[in-house]
Structures are given as structure tokens and as C-alpha cells.
Amino acid sequence: MDIRSAIKREERKLERELTKIQDQLSSVRAAAKALGYSANKKVTGATKRVLSEAARSKISRAAKKRWAKFRAQAKKAIG
């Protein structure tokens, strides 16, 4: 089997798949348009959630308290 012919065959196969996918995409866009939705809107990432200094401090204190309790129980189990 010649490598060039294999590459050409793969290229034709991928072009057929691309055409099929583009047809599916146009169908989905047509359906969305019929429903009144724009299928061309960009998907935006989620906004970063920001905690106040007080909230971070509260979470930190709670975590330290949990770890202190865990360490105390572990020390009690060993000793």
C-alpha cells in the first residue's frame, strides 16, 4: 500500500465527515432559529466567585478547628 494513497483516502474520509457534521450543525442552527434562539452565541466561562476577607477568615477558622479536633482524636487513639 502506497503511503500517499492511504493519506489521500484518509483525507477524503475526513472531508466526508466534515461535510456531514457541517450539515448537522446547519440543521441544529435552523431548528434553534425556528425556536427563536440564536445558535451563534458564544459560550462564556463561569465568572470567578470572590469571597470577602471575613468569609475567607471564617472558613479558615472553621477548617483549623476541624483539624484540631481530628488531631486531638488521633492523639487520643494513639496514646
C-alpha atoms as a PDB file:
ATOM      1  CA  MET A   1       0.000   0.000   0.000  1.00  0.00           C
ATOM      2  CA  ASP A   2       1.397   3.336  -1.011  1.00  0.00           C
ATOM      3  CA  ILE A   3       1.542   5.848   1.831  1.00  0.00           C
ATOM      4  CA  ARG A   4       0.331   8.680  -0.408  1.00  0.00           C
ATOM      5  CA  SER A   5      -2.774   6.791  -1.435  1.00  0.00           C
ATOM      6  CA  ALA A   6      -3.502   5.964   2.209  1.00  0.00           C
ATOM      7  CA  ILE A   7      -3.182   9.629   3.131  1.00  0.00           C
ATOM      8  CA  LYS A   8      -5.450  10.689   0.244  1.00  0.00           C
ATOM      9  CA  ARG A   9      -8.022   8.074   1.253  1.00  0.00           C
ATOM     10  CA  GLU A  10      -7.948   9.333   4.846  1.00  0.00           C
ATOM     11  CA  GLU A  11      -8.272  12.924   3.623  1.00  0.00           C
ATOM     12  CA  ARG A  12     -11.378  12.060   1.575  1.00  0.00           C
ATOM     13  CA  LYS A  13     -12.852  10.218   4.557  1.00  0.00           C
ATOM     14  CA  LEU A  14     -12.300  13.222   6.835  1.00  0.00           C
ATOM     15  CA  GLU A  15     -13.763  15.604   4.261  1.00  0.00           C
ATOM     16  CA  ARG A  16     -16.913  13.454   4.085  1.00  0.00           C
ATOM     17  CA  GLU A  17     -17.166  13.500   7.879  1.00  0.00           C
ATOM     18  CA  LEU A  18     -16.668  17.266   7.906  1.00  0.00           C
ATOM     19  CA  THR A  19     -19.455  17.740   5.377  1.00  0.00           C
ATOM     20  CA  LYS A  20     -21.747  15.513   7.420  1.00  0.00           C
ATOM     21  CA  ILE A  21     -21.011  17.446  10.615  1.00  0.00           C
ATOM     22  CA  GLN A  22     -21.490  20.793   8.892  1.00  0.00           C
ATOM     23  CA  ASP A  23     -24.883  19.599   7.631  1.00  0.00           C
ATOM     24  CA  GLN A  24     -25.848  18.566  11.164  1.00  0.00           C
ATOM     25  CA  LEU A  25     -24.714  21.926  12.524  1.00  0.00           C
ATOM     26  CA  SER A  26     -26.753  23.830   9.966  1.00  0.00           C
ATOM     27  CA  SER A  27     -29.786  21.708  10.876  1.00  0.00           C
ATOM     28  CA  VAL A  28     -29.335  22.493  14.557  1.00  0.00           C
ATOM     29  CA  ARG A  29     -28.935  26.197  13.815  1.00  0.00           C
ATOM     30  CA  ALA A  30     -32.076  26.153  11.674  1.00  0.00           C
ATOM     31  CA  ALA A  31     -34.023  24.454  14.466  1.00  0.00           C
ATOM     32  CA  ALA A  32     -32.719  26.967  17.010  1.00  0.00           C
ATOM     33  CA  LYS A  33     -33.633  29.859  14.733  1.00  0.00           C
ATOM     34  CA  ALA A  34     -37.136  28.425  14.283  1.00  0.00           C
ATOM     35  CA  LEU A  35     -37.484  28.352  18.070  1.00  0.00           C
ATOM     36  CA  GLY A  36     -36.215  31.898  18.341  1.00  0.00           C
ATOM     37  CA  TYR A  37     -32.830  31.141  19.849  1.00  0.00           C
ATOM     38  CA  SER A  38     -29.526  32.203  18.410  1.00  0.00           C
ATOM     39  CA  ALA A  39     -27.183  29.269  17.950  1.00  0.00           C
ATOM     40  CA  ASN A  40     -24.317  31.626  17.213  1.00  0.00           C
ATOM     41  CA  LYS A  41     -23.947  32.999  20.728  1.00  0.00           C
ATOM     42  CA  LYS A  42     -20.584  32.389  22.265  1.00  0.00           C
ATOM     43  CA  VAL A  43     -20.406  30.299  25.408  1.00  0.00           C
ATOM     44  CA  THR A  44     -18.852  32.318  28.174  1.00  0.00           C
ATOM     45  CA  GLY A  45     -16.935  30.832  31.027  1.00  0.00           C
ATOM     46  CA  ALA A  46     -18.222  30.966  34.559  1.00  0.00           C
ATOM     47  CA  THR A  47     -17.288  34.055  36.488  1.00  0.00           C
ATOM     48  CA  LYS A  48     -14.849  33.625  39.309  1.00  0.00           C
ATOM     49  CA  ARG A  49     -16.501  33.636  42.688  1.00  0.00           C
ATOM     50  CA  VAL A  50     -14.898  36.103  45.054  1.00  0.00           C
ATOM     51  CA  LEU A  51     -15.069  35.773  48.821  1.00  0.00           C
ATOM     52  CA  SER A  52     -14.731  38.652  51.211  1.00  0.00           C
ATOM     53  CA  GLU A  53     -11.854  38.731  53.657  1.00  0.00           C
ATOM     54  CA  ALA A  54     -14.290  37.999  56.500  1.00  0.00           C
ATOM     55  CA  ALA A  55     -15.668  34.944  54.714  1.00  0.00           C
ATOM     56  CA  ARG A  56     -12.185  33.590  53.999  1.00  0.00           C
ATOM     57  CA  SER A  57     -11.233  34.145  57.625  1.00  0.00           C
ATOM     58  CA  LYS A  58     -14.364  32.356  58.841  1.00  0.00           C
ATOM     59  CA  ILE A  59     -13.686  29.369  56.549  1.00  0.00           C
ATOM     60  CA  SER A  60     -10.059  29.270  57.687  1.00  0.00           C
ATOM     61  CA  ARG A  61     -11.012  29.272  61.374  1.00  0.00           C
ATOM     62  CA  ALA A  62     -13.559  26.501  60.814  1.00  0.00           C
ATOM     63  CA  ALA A  63     -11.010  24.370  58.932  1.00  0.00           C
ATOM     64  CA  LYS A  64      -8.400  24.873  61.667  1.00  0.00           C
ATOM     65  CA  LYS A  65     -10.980  23.903  64.279  1.00  0.00           C
ATOM     66  CA  ARG A  66     -11.870  20.716  62.361  1.00  0.00           C
ATOM     67  CA  TRP A  67      -8.196  19.754  62.003  1.00  0.00           C
ATOM     68  CA  ALA A  68      -7.533  20.436  65.680  1.00  0.00           C
ATOM     69  CA  LYS A  69     -10.411  18.131  66.608  1.00  0.00           C
ATOM     70  CA  PHE A  70      -9.137  15.468  64.197  1.00  0.00           C
ATOM     71  CA  ARG A  71      -5.606  15.668  65.583  1.00  0.00           C
ATOM     72  CA  ALA A  72      -6.873  15.517  69.168  1.00  0.00           C
ATOM     73  CA  GLN A  73      -8.871  12.375  68.408  1.00  0.00           C
ATOM     74  CA  ALA A  74      -5.888  10.809  66.623  1.00  0.00           C
ATOM     75  CA  LYS A  75      -3.611  11.628  69.563  1.00  0.00           C
ATOM     76  CA  LYS A  76      -6.160  10.141  71.979  1.00  0.00           C
ATOM     77  CA  ALA A  77      -6.385   6.940  69.884  1.00  0.00           C
ATOM     78  CA  ILE A  78      -2.602   6.518  69.839  1.00  0.00           C
ATOM     79  CA  GLY A  79      -1.916   7.451  73.453  1.00  0.00           C
END
